Amino acid sequence: MEDIIIPEGTKVKNVERDKISFVEKAYASISGGFKVTLEHLFGKKVTLRYPEERKELPKNYRGRHYLDIEKCVACEFCAAACPVDIIFIVGEPHPEKVRHPRVFNIDILKCIFCGYCVEACPTGALQMTDVYEVFSPQRFILTIDELSKIPEFKEFKE
């Protein structure tokens, strides 16, 4: 401890660690691995038959976006809050309110579902639902028409 500079008034306690041999470390590693393997081998199996059975989601799950077009004032706070810059908004004047979105696109393929856009929305127009089937195989950009429909689970057939 001669090399270490210790401020005055600091209490120092020197703790010696027990030396563990290589054999003890190897035994602990192997026995731990067998324990995990046996837990998975004899534990409860969980299998979902996907389209028929759906996964139970937590109450705060962040899935597909929904835009309440009547509440939206095209303030672009959601686009500014998005860390991956996937929201594109073009506003226009509206006779009943200050502004109205003419174009509102979300590139769902790049979305990280962080929820910052929902938190930034001052009117509560943008929401995230519990629908986890977020896009179709043909389209990856959700437009204002698709965002303003309440999302539901769909059965995709090939």
N, C-alpha and C. Protein backbone atom coordinates (compact mmCIF):
# COMPACT_ATOMS: atom_id res chain seq x y z
N MET A 1 0.82 -1.19 0.00
CA MET A 1 0.00 0.00 0.00
C MET A 1 0.86 1.26 0.00
N GLU A 2 2.14 1.11 -0.21
CA GLU A 2 3.02 2.26 -0.22
C GLU A 2 2.81 3.12 -1.47
N ASP A 3 2.37 2.52 -2.60
CA ASP A 3 2.23 3.24 -3.85
C ASP A 3 0.93 4.06 -3.91
N ILE A 4 -0.03 3.74 -3.06
CA ILE A 4 -1.34 4.39 -3.11
C ILE A 4 -1.33 5.61 -2.21
N ILE A 5 -1.80 6.73 -2.74
CA ILE A 5 -1.89 7.96 -1.96
C ILE A 5 -3.27 8.00 -1.34
N ILE A 6 -3.32 8.09 -0.01
CA ILE A 6 -4.58 8.08 0.72
C ILE A 6 -4.72 9.42 1.44
N PRO A 7 -5.87 10.12 1.26
CA PRO A 7 -6.06 11.39 1.96
C PRO A 7 -6.07 11.19 3.47
N GLU A 8 -5.65 12.22 4.19
CA GLU A 8 -5.62 12.13 5.65
C GLU A 8 -7.05 12.01 6.19
N GLY A 9 -7.20 11.24 7.24
CA GLY A 9 -8.50 11.06 7.87
C GLY A 9 -9.32 9.93 7.27
N THR A 10 -8.82 9.29 6.20
CA THR A 10 -9.54 8.19 5.56
C THR A 10 -9.13 6.88 6.23
N LYS A 11 -10.15 6.11 6.63
CA LYS A 11 -9.87 4.82 7.23
C LYS A 11 -9.71 3.78 6.12
N VAL A 12 -8.67 3.00 6.22
CA VAL A 12 -8.38 2.00 5.21
C VAL A 12 -8.44 0.63 5.85
N LYS A 13 -9.15 -0.27 5.18
CA LYS A 13 -9.24 -1.63 5.68
C LYS A 13 -8.67 -2.54 4.59
N ASN A 14 -7.67 -3.30 4.93
CA ASN A 14 -7.04 -4.20 3.98
C ASN A 14 -7.74 -5.56 4.07
N VAL A 15 -8.38 -5.96 2.99
CA VAL A 15 -9.11 -7.22 2.98
C VAL A 15 -8.36 -8.21 2.11
N GLU A 16 -8.03 -9.32 2.68
CA GLU A 16 -7.36 -10.39 1.93
C GLU A 16 -8.44 -11.31 1.37
N ARG A 17 -8.38 -11.58 0.10
CA ARG A 17 -9.35 -12.48 -0.52
C ARG A 17 -8.85 -13.90 -0.43
N ASP A 18 -9.80 -14.80 -0.26
CA ASP A 18 -9.44 -16.21 -0.21
C ASP A 18 -8.95 -16.64 -1.59
N LYS A 19 -7.91 -17.40 -1.59
CA LYS A 19 -7.38 -17.93 -2.84
C LYS A 19 -8.19 -19.16 -3.22
N ILE A 20 -8.76 -19.13 -4.42
CA ILE A 20 -9.56 -20.25 -4.91
C ILE A 20 -8.73 -20.99 -5.95
N SER A 21 -8.66 -22.27 -5.82
CA SER A 21 -7.84 -23.06 -6.74
C SER A 21 -8.55 -23.24 -8.07
N PHE A 22 -7.79 -23.64 -9.05
CA PHE A 22 -8.32 -23.88 -10.39
C PHE A 22 -9.38 -24.97 -10.37
N VAL A 23 -9.17 -26.01 -9.59
CA VAL A 23 -10.12 -27.13 -9.52
C VAL A 23 -11.45 -26.66 -8.94
N GLU A 24 -11.41 -25.81 -7.92
CA GLU A 24 -12.64 -25.28 -7.32
C GLU A 24 -13.39 -24.39 -8.31
N LYS A 25 -12.67 -23.56 -9.06
CA LYS A 25 -13.31 -22.71 -10.07
C LYS A 25 -13.95 -23.57 -11.16
N ALA A 26 -13.25 -24.60 -11.62
CA ALA A 26 -13.77 -25.47 -12.67
C ALA A 26 -15.02 -26.21 -12.17
N TYR A 27 -14.98 -26.71 -10.94
CA TYR A 27 -16.13 -27.42 -10.37
C TYR A 27 -17.34 -26.49 -10.28
N ALA A 28 -17.13 -25.24 -9.83
CA ALA A 28 -18.23 -24.29 -9.71
C ALA A 28 -18.82 -23.98 -11.09
N SER A 29 -17.99 -23.82 -12.10
CA SER A 29 -18.48 -23.51 -13.45
C SER A 29 -19.26 -24.67 -14.04
N ILE A 30 -18.73 -25.86 -13.92
CA ILE A 30 -19.39 -27.04 -14.50
C ILE A 30 -20.69 -27.34 -13.77
N SER A 31 -20.68 -27.27 -12.45
CA SER A 31 -21.91 -27.57 -11.70
C SER A 31 -22.98 -26.50 -11.96
N GLY A 32 -22.55 -25.25 -12.10
CA GLY A 32 -23.51 -24.19 -12.44
C GLY A 32 -24.13 -24.41 -13.81
N GLY A 33 -23.33 -24.82 -14.77
CA GLY A 33 -23.84 -25.11 -16.11
C GLY A 33 -24.81 -26.27 -16.11
N PHE A 34 -24.49 -27.33 -15.37
CA PHE A 34 -25.41 -28.47 -15.27
C PHE A 34 -26.72 -28.08 -14.60
N LYS A 35 -26.64 -27.20 -13.62
CA LYS A 35 -27.85 -26.75 -12.92
C LYS A 35 -28.80 -26.04 -13.89
N VAL A 36 -28.27 -25.12 -14.69
CA VAL A 36 -29.09 -24.40 -15.67
C VAL A 36 -29.67 -25.37 -16.69
N THR A 37 -28.86 -26.31 -17.17
CA THR A 37 -29.32 -27.29 -18.15
C THR A 37 -30.45 -28.14 -17.59
N LEU A 38 -30.31 -28.61 -16.38
CA LEU A 38 -31.35 -29.44 -15.76
C LEU A 38 -32.63 -28.66 -15.50
N GLU A 39 -32.51 -27.39 -15.14
CA GLU A 39 -33.71 -26.56 -14.95
C GLU A 39 -34.49 -26.44 -16.25
N HIS A 40 -33.81 -26.24 -17.36
CA HIS A 40 -34.49 -26.13 -18.65
C HIS A 40 -35.00 -27.48 -19.13
N LEU A 41 -34.29 -28.53 -18.82
CA LEU A 41 -34.68 -29.86 -19.27
C LEU A 41 -35.95 -30.34 -18.59
N PHE A 42 -36.08 -30.10 -17.30
CA PHE A 42 -37.22 -30.60 -16.55
C PHE A 42 -38.23 -29.52 -16.18
N GLY A 43 -38.01 -28.30 -16.64
CA GLY A 43 -38.93 -27.20 -16.33
C GLY A 43 -40.15 -27.22 -17.24
N LYS A 44 -41.06 -26.29 -16.99
CA LYS A 44 -42.29 -26.19 -17.76
C LYS A 44 -41.99 -25.71 -19.18
N LYS A 45 -42.55 -26.38 -20.15
CA LYS A 45 -42.36 -26.02 -21.56
C LYS A 45 -43.39 -24.96 -21.94
N VAL A 46 -42.95 -23.98 -22.72
CA VAL A 46 -43.83 -22.91 -23.16
C VAL A 46 -43.79 -22.87 -24.68
N THR A 47 -44.90 -23.22 -25.30
CA THR A 47 -44.99 -23.17 -26.75
C THR A 47 -46.31 -22.51 -27.12
N LEU A 48 -46.26 -21.51 -27.99
CA LEU A 48 -47.47 -20.86 -28.48
C LEU A 48 -47.68 -21.24 -29.93
N ARG A 49 -48.88 -21.61 -30.29
CA ARG A 49 -49.25 -21.84 -31.68
C ARG A 49 -49.66 -20.49 -32.23
N TYR A 50 -48.71 -19.78 -32.84
CA TYR A 50 -48.81 -18.33 -33.02
C TYR A 50 -50.11 -17.78 -33.59
N PRO A 51 -50.54 -18.05 -34.76
CA PRO A 51 -51.70 -17.25 -35.16
C PRO A 51 -52.93 -17.52 -34.30
N GLU A 52 -53.08 -18.75 -33.81
CA GLU A 52 -54.25 -19.07 -33.01
C GLU A 52 -54.10 -18.55 -31.58
N GLU A 53 -52.92 -18.69 -31.00
CA GLU A 53 -52.67 -18.25 -29.64
C GLU A 53 -51.78 -17.01 -29.69
N ARG A 54 -52.15 -16.00 -28.91
CA ARG A 54 -51.37 -14.76 -28.86
C ARG A 54 -50.64 -14.66 -27.53
N LYS A 55 -49.51 -14.02 -27.57
CA LYS A 55 -48.70 -13.83 -26.37
C LYS A 55 -49.38 -12.81 -25.45
N GLU A 56 -49.37 -13.08 -24.15
CA GLU A 56 -49.90 -12.13 -23.17
C GLU A 56 -48.87 -11.01 -22.99
N LEU A 57 -49.29 -9.79 -23.25
CA LEU A 57 -48.38 -8.64 -23.22
C LEU A 57 -48.51 -7.87 -21.92
N PRO A 58 -47.44 -7.22 -21.47
CA PRO A 58 -47.56 -6.37 -20.29
C PRO A 58 -48.42 -5.15 -20.60
N LYS A 59 -48.97 -4.53 -19.56
CA LYS A 59 -49.90 -3.42 -19.78
C LYS A 59 -49.25 -2.19 -20.40
N ASN A 60 -47.95 -2.00 -20.22
CA ASN A 60 -47.28 -0.84 -20.79
C ASN A 60 -46.50 -1.18 -22.06
N TYR A 61 -46.93 -2.18 -22.81
CA TYR A 61 -46.26 -2.59 -24.04
C TYR A 61 -46.39 -1.49 -25.08
N ARG A 62 -45.31 -1.22 -25.81
CA ARG A 62 -45.32 -0.20 -26.85
C ARG A 62 -45.30 -0.88 -28.22
N GLY A 63 -46.43 -0.87 -28.89
CA GLY A 63 -46.55 -1.50 -30.19
C GLY A 63 -46.78 -0.47 -31.28
N ARG A 64 -47.67 -0.81 -32.20
CA ARG A 64 -47.93 0.03 -33.37
C ARG A 64 -48.51 1.39 -32.97
N HIS A 65 -48.16 2.41 -33.71
CA HIS A 65 -48.61 3.77 -33.44
C HIS A 65 -50.06 3.97 -33.89
N TYR A 66 -50.74 4.89 -33.21
CA TYR A 66 -52.09 5.32 -33.60
C TYR A 66 -52.13 6.84 -33.48
N LEU A 67 -52.66 7.50 -34.50
CA LEU A 67 -52.75 8.96 -34.51
C LEU A 67 -54.20 9.39 -34.50
N ASP A 68 -54.59 10.12 -33.46
CA ASP A 68 -55.93 10.71 -33.41
C ASP A 68 -55.87 12.02 -34.18
N ILE A 69 -56.37 11.98 -35.40
CA ILE A 69 -56.22 13.10 -36.33
C ILE A 69 -56.93 14.36 -35.85
N GLU A 70 -57.97 14.19 -35.05
CA GLU A 70 -58.72 15.34 -34.56
C GLU A 70 -57.93 16.12 -33.49
N LYS A 71 -57.08 15.45 -32.75
CA LYS A 71 -56.29 16.10 -31.70
C LYS A 71 -54.98 16.68 -32.21
N CYS A 72 -54.45 16.16 -33.31
CA CYS A 72 -53.13 16.54 -33.79
C CYS A 72 -53.14 17.98 -34.32
N VAL A 73 -52.15 18.77 -33.89
CA VAL A 73 -52.00 20.15 -34.35
C VAL A 73 -50.73 20.33 -35.18
N ALA A 74 -50.10 19.27 -35.59
CA ALA A 74 -48.89 19.28 -36.43
C ALA A 74 -47.80 20.16 -35.84
N CYS A 75 -47.56 20.02 -34.55
CA CYS A 75 -46.54 20.84 -33.87
C CYS A 75 -45.13 20.32 -34.12
N GLU A 76 -45.01 19.09 -34.58
CA GLU A 76 -43.74 18.44 -34.91
C GLU A 76 -42.87 18.16 -33.68
N PHE A 77 -43.45 18.18 -32.48
CA PHE A 77 -42.69 17.80 -31.29
C PHE A 77 -42.30 16.33 -31.34
N CYS A 78 -43.20 15.49 -31.86
CA CYS A 78 -42.90 14.06 -31.93
C CYS A 78 -41.73 13.80 -32.88
N ALA A 79 -41.68 14.52 -33.99
CA ALA A 79 -40.58 14.35 -34.94
C ALA A 79 -39.27 14.83 -34.33
N ALA A 80 -39.33 15.89 -33.53
CA ALA A 80 -38.11 16.40 -32.90
C ALA A 80 -37.62 15.46 -31.80
N ALA A 81 -38.54 14.77 -31.12
CA ALA A 81 -38.16 13.89 -30.02
C ALA A 81 -37.67 12.53 -30.50
N CYS A 82 -37.96 12.16 -31.72
CA CYS A 82 -37.60 10.84 -32.24
C CYS A 82 -36.08 10.72 -32.39
N PRO A 83 -35.45 9.76 -31.69
CA PRO A 83 -34.00 9.65 -31.77
C PRO A 83 -33.47 9.11 -33.09
N VAL A 84 -34.30 8.41 -33.86
CA VAL A 84 -33.84 7.86 -35.14
C VAL A 84 -34.40 8.61 -36.33
N ASP A 85 -35.13 9.70 -36.09
CA ASP A 85 -35.61 10.61 -37.13
C ASP A 85 -36.44 9.89 -38.21
N ILE A 86 -37.51 9.24 -37.79
CA ILE A 86 -38.34 8.48 -38.73
C ILE A 86 -39.71 9.10 -38.96
N ILE A 87 -40.01 10.19 -38.25
CA ILE A 87 -41.33 10.82 -38.37
C ILE A 87 -41.21 12.03 -39.28
N PHE A 88 -42.08 12.08 -40.30
CA PHE A 88 -42.09 13.20 -41.25
C PHE A 88 -43.48 13.82 -41.23
N ILE A 89 -43.54 15.13 -40.93
CA ILE A 89 -44.83 15.83 -40.81
C ILE A 89 -44.81 17.08 -41.68
N VAL A 90 -45.92 17.30 -42.38
CA VAL A 90 -46.15 18.55 -43.09
C VAL A 90 -47.50 19.07 -42.61
N GLY A 91 -47.49 20.27 -42.02
CA GLY A 91 -48.73 20.85 -41.50
C GLY A 91 -49.31 21.86 -42.46
N GLU A 92 -50.59 22.13 -42.28
CA GLU A 92 -51.27 23.15 -43.07
C GLU A 92 -52.28 23.87 -42.19
N PRO A 93 -52.65 25.09 -42.53
CA PRO A 93 -53.64 25.81 -41.72
C PRO A 93 -54.99 25.09 -41.74
N HIS A 94 -55.72 25.24 -40.64
CA HIS A 94 -57.02 24.59 -40.50
C HIS A 94 -58.00 25.63 -39.97
N PRO A 95 -59.24 25.66 -40.47
CA PRO A 95 -60.18 26.71 -40.03
C PRO A 95 -60.57 26.60 -38.54
N GLU A 96 -60.61 25.41 -37.99
CA GLU A 96 -61.07 25.25 -36.61
C GLU A 96 -59.94 25.28 -35.59
N LYS A 97 -58.74 24.88 -35.96
CA LYS A 97 -57.62 24.90 -35.03
C LYS A 97 -56.41 25.51 -35.71
N VAL A 98 -55.34 25.64 -34.98
CA VAL A 98 -54.16 26.35 -35.49
C VAL A 98 -53.59 25.67 -36.73
N ARG A 99 -53.26 24.39 -36.61
CA ARG A 99 -52.70 23.65 -37.73
C ARG A 99 -53.29 22.26 -37.76
N HIS A 100 -53.08 21.63 -38.89
CA HIS A 100 -53.59 20.28 -39.11
C HIS A 100 -52.55 19.53 -39.94
N PRO A 101 -52.28 18.26 -39.66
CA PRO A 101 -51.28 17.56 -40.48
C PRO A 101 -51.84 17.17 -41.85
N ARG A 102 -51.12 17.55 -42.88
CA ARG A 102 -51.47 17.11 -44.23
C ARG A 102 -50.74 15.81 -44.56
N VAL A 103 -49.47 15.72 -44.12
CA VAL A 103 -48.67 14.51 -44.29
C VAL A 103 -48.12 14.13 -42.92
N PHE A 104 -48.28 12.87 -42.56
CA PHE A 104 -47.73 12.34 -41.30
C PHE A 104 -47.29 10.92 -41.59
N ASN A 105 -45.99 10.71 -41.74
CA ASN A 105 -45.44 9.39 -42.07
C ASN A 105 -44.51 8.91 -40.97
N ILE A 106 -44.57 7.61 -40.70
CA ILE A 106 -43.65 6.97 -39.76
C ILE A 106 -43.04 5.77 -40.48
N ASP A 107 -41.71 5.75 -40.56
CA ASP A 107 -41.01 4.61 -41.14
C ASP A 107 -40.89 3.53 -40.07
N ILE A 108 -41.82 2.61 -40.08
CA ILE A 108 -41.95 1.63 -39.02
C ILE A 108 -40.80 0.62 -39.01
N LEU A 109 -40.11 0.47 -40.12
CA LEU A 109 -38.99 -0.48 -40.18
C LEU A 109 -37.80 0.01 -39.37
N LYS A 110 -37.63 1.33 -39.28
CA LYS A 110 -36.51 1.90 -38.53
C LYS A 110 -36.88 2.25 -37.08
N CYS A 111 -38.16 2.15 -36.73
CA CYS A 111 -38.64 2.55 -35.40
C CYS A 111 -38.06 1.63 -34.33
N ILE A 112 -37.61 2.20 -33.23
CA ILE A 112 -37.08 1.42 -32.11
C ILE A 112 -38.11 1.32 -30.97
N PHE A 113 -39.30 1.84 -31.17
CA PHE A 113 -40.42 1.74 -30.22
C PHE A 113 -40.04 2.23 -28.83
N CYS A 114 -39.38 3.37 -28.78
CA CYS A 114 -38.93 3.92 -27.51
C CYS A 114 -40.05 4.68 -26.79
N GLY A 115 -41.00 5.22 -27.53
CA GLY A 115 -42.11 5.94 -26.93
C GLY A 115 -41.85 7.41 -26.71
N TYR A 116 -40.70 7.93 -27.14
CA TYR A 116 -40.40 9.35 -26.96
C TYR A 116 -41.39 10.23 -27.72
N CYS A 117 -41.82 9.78 -28.88
CA CYS A 117 -42.76 10.57 -29.67
C CYS A 117 -44.09 10.74 -28.94
N VAL A 118 -44.53 9.69 -28.27
CA VAL A 118 -45.79 9.73 -27.52
C VAL A 118 -45.65 10.67 -26.32
N GLU A 119 -44.51 10.61 -25.65
CA GLU A 119 -44.29 11.48 -24.49
C GLU A 119 -44.19 12.94 -24.89
N ALA A 120 -43.69 13.22 -26.09
CA ALA A 120 -43.51 14.61 -26.53
C ALA A 120 -44.80 15.24 -27.04
N CYS A 121 -45.79 14.46 -27.37
CA CYS A 121 -47.03 14.98 -27.95
C CYS A 121 -47.82 15.75 -26.89
N PRO A 122 -48.00 17.07 -27.07
CA PRO A 122 -48.69 17.86 -26.05
C PRO A 122 -50.20 17.63 -26.01
N THR A 123 -50.79 17.18 -27.09
CA THR A 123 -52.25 16.98 -27.13
C THR A 123 -52.65 15.54 -26.91
N GLY A 124 -51.70 14.62 -26.87
CA GLY A 124 -52.03 13.21 -26.69
C GLY A 124 -52.58 12.57 -27.95
N ALA A 125 -52.29 13.17 -29.10
CA ALA A 125 -52.82 12.64 -30.35
C ALA A 125 -52.10 11.37 -30.80
N LEU A 126 -50.83 11.27 -30.52
CA LEU A 126 -50.06 10.10 -30.93
C LEU A 126 -49.99 9.12 -29.76
N GLN A 127 -50.35 7.88 -30.03
CA GLN A 127 -50.37 6.85 -28.99
C GLN A 127 -49.72 5.59 -29.53
N MET A 128 -49.33 4.71 -28.61
CA MET A 128 -48.81 3.41 -29.01
C MET A 128 -49.76 2.35 -28.47
N THR A 129 -50.15 1.44 -29.33
CA THR A 129 -51.10 0.41 -28.96
C THR A 129 -50.37 -0.88 -28.60
N ASP A 130 -51.14 -1.92 -28.30
CA ASP A 130 -50.52 -3.21 -27.95
C ASP A 130 -50.47 -4.17 -29.13
N VAL A 131 -50.67 -3.66 -30.33
CA VAL A 131 -50.60 -4.49 -31.54
C VAL A 131 -49.14 -4.64 -31.94
N TYR A 132 -48.66 -5.87 -31.97
CA TYR A 132 -47.24 -6.08 -32.30
C TYR A 132 -47.04 -6.55 -33.73
N GLU A 133 -48.08 -6.74 -34.47
CA GLU A 133 -47.95 -7.01 -35.92
C GLU A 133 -48.00 -5.64 -36.58
N VAL A 134 -46.84 -5.02 -36.71
CA VAL A 134 -46.80 -3.60 -37.02
C VAL A 134 -46.78 -3.25 -38.50
N PHE A 135 -46.44 -4.14 -39.37
CA PHE A 135 -46.39 -3.76 -40.78
C PHE A 135 -46.75 -4.94 -41.65
N SER A 136 -47.10 -4.63 -42.86
CA SER A 136 -47.38 -5.67 -43.84
C SER A 136 -46.10 -5.92 -44.63
N PRO A 137 -46.01 -7.05 -45.28
CA PRO A 137 -44.78 -7.33 -46.04
C PRO A 137 -44.56 -6.38 -47.22
N GLN A 138 -45.59 -5.67 -47.65
CA GLN A 138 -45.46 -4.80 -48.81
C GLN A 138 -45.07 -3.37 -48.44
N ARG A 139 -45.51 -2.87 -47.27
CA ARG A 139 -45.30 -1.46 -46.90
C ARG A 139 -44.60 -1.34 -45.56
N PHE A 140 -43.64 -0.43 -45.49
CA PHE A 140 -42.94 -0.20 -44.25
C PHE A 140 -43.12 1.23 -43.74
N ILE A 141 -43.72 2.10 -44.51
CA ILE A 141 -43.97 3.47 -44.08
C ILE A 141 -45.46 3.62 -43.84
N LEU A 142 -45.82 3.93 -42.60
CA LEU A 142 -47.22 4.15 -42.25
C LEU A 142 -47.58 5.58 -42.57
N THR A 143 -48.63 5.77 -43.37
CA THR A 143 -49.07 7.10 -43.76
C THR A 143 -50.15 7.58 -42.81
N ILE A 144 -50.63 8.79 -43.03
CA ILE A 144 -51.63 9.38 -42.16
C ILE A 144 -52.94 8.58 -42.18
N ASP A 145 -53.27 8.00 -43.33
CA ASP A 145 -54.49 7.19 -43.43
C ASP A 145 -54.38 5.92 -42.60
N GLU A 146 -53.22 5.26 -42.65
CA GLU A 146 -53.02 4.03 -41.89
C GLU A 146 -52.88 4.30 -40.40
N LEU A 147 -52.25 5.41 -40.05
CA LEU A 147 -52.05 5.75 -38.64
C LEU A 147 -53.34 6.16 -37.95
N SER A 148 -54.29 6.72 -38.71
CA SER A 148 -55.52 7.20 -38.09
C SER A 148 -56.56 6.10 -37.90
N LYS A 149 -56.32 4.91 -38.44
CA LYS A 149 -57.21 3.77 -38.20
C LYS A 149 -56.75 3.05 -36.93
N ILE A 150 -57.70 2.67 -36.11
CA ILE A 150 -57.34 1.93 -34.89
C ILE A 150 -56.81 0.57 -35.30
N PRO A 151 -55.57 0.25 -34.92
CA PRO A 151 -54.97 -1.01 -35.39
C PRO A 151 -55.60 -2.23 -34.71
N GLU A 152 -55.68 -3.29 -35.46
CA GLU A 152 -56.19 -4.56 -34.97
C GLU A 152 -55.24 -5.65 -35.44
N PHE A 153 -55.33 -6.81 -34.79
CA PHE A 153 -54.55 -7.95 -35.25
C PHE A 153 -55.15 -8.44 -36.56
N LYS A 154 -54.28 -8.72 -37.53
CA LYS A 154 -54.73 -9.19 -38.84
C LYS A 154 -54.22 -10.59 -39.09
N GLU A 155 -54.97 -11.32 -39.84
CA GLU A 155 -54.53 -12.65 -40.27
C GLU A 155 -53.95 -12.49 -41.66
N PHE A 156 -52.63 -12.65 -41.80
CA PHE A 156 -51.99 -12.56 -43.10
C PHE A 156 -51.96 -13.95 -43.74
N LYS A 157 -52.47 -14.01 -44.95
CA LYS A 157 -52.48 -15.27 -45.68
C LYS A 157 -51.66 -15.10 -46.93
N GLU A 158 -50.85 -16.10 -47.21
CA GLU A 158 -49.99 -16.02 -48.39
C GLU A 158 -50.65 -16.65 -49.58
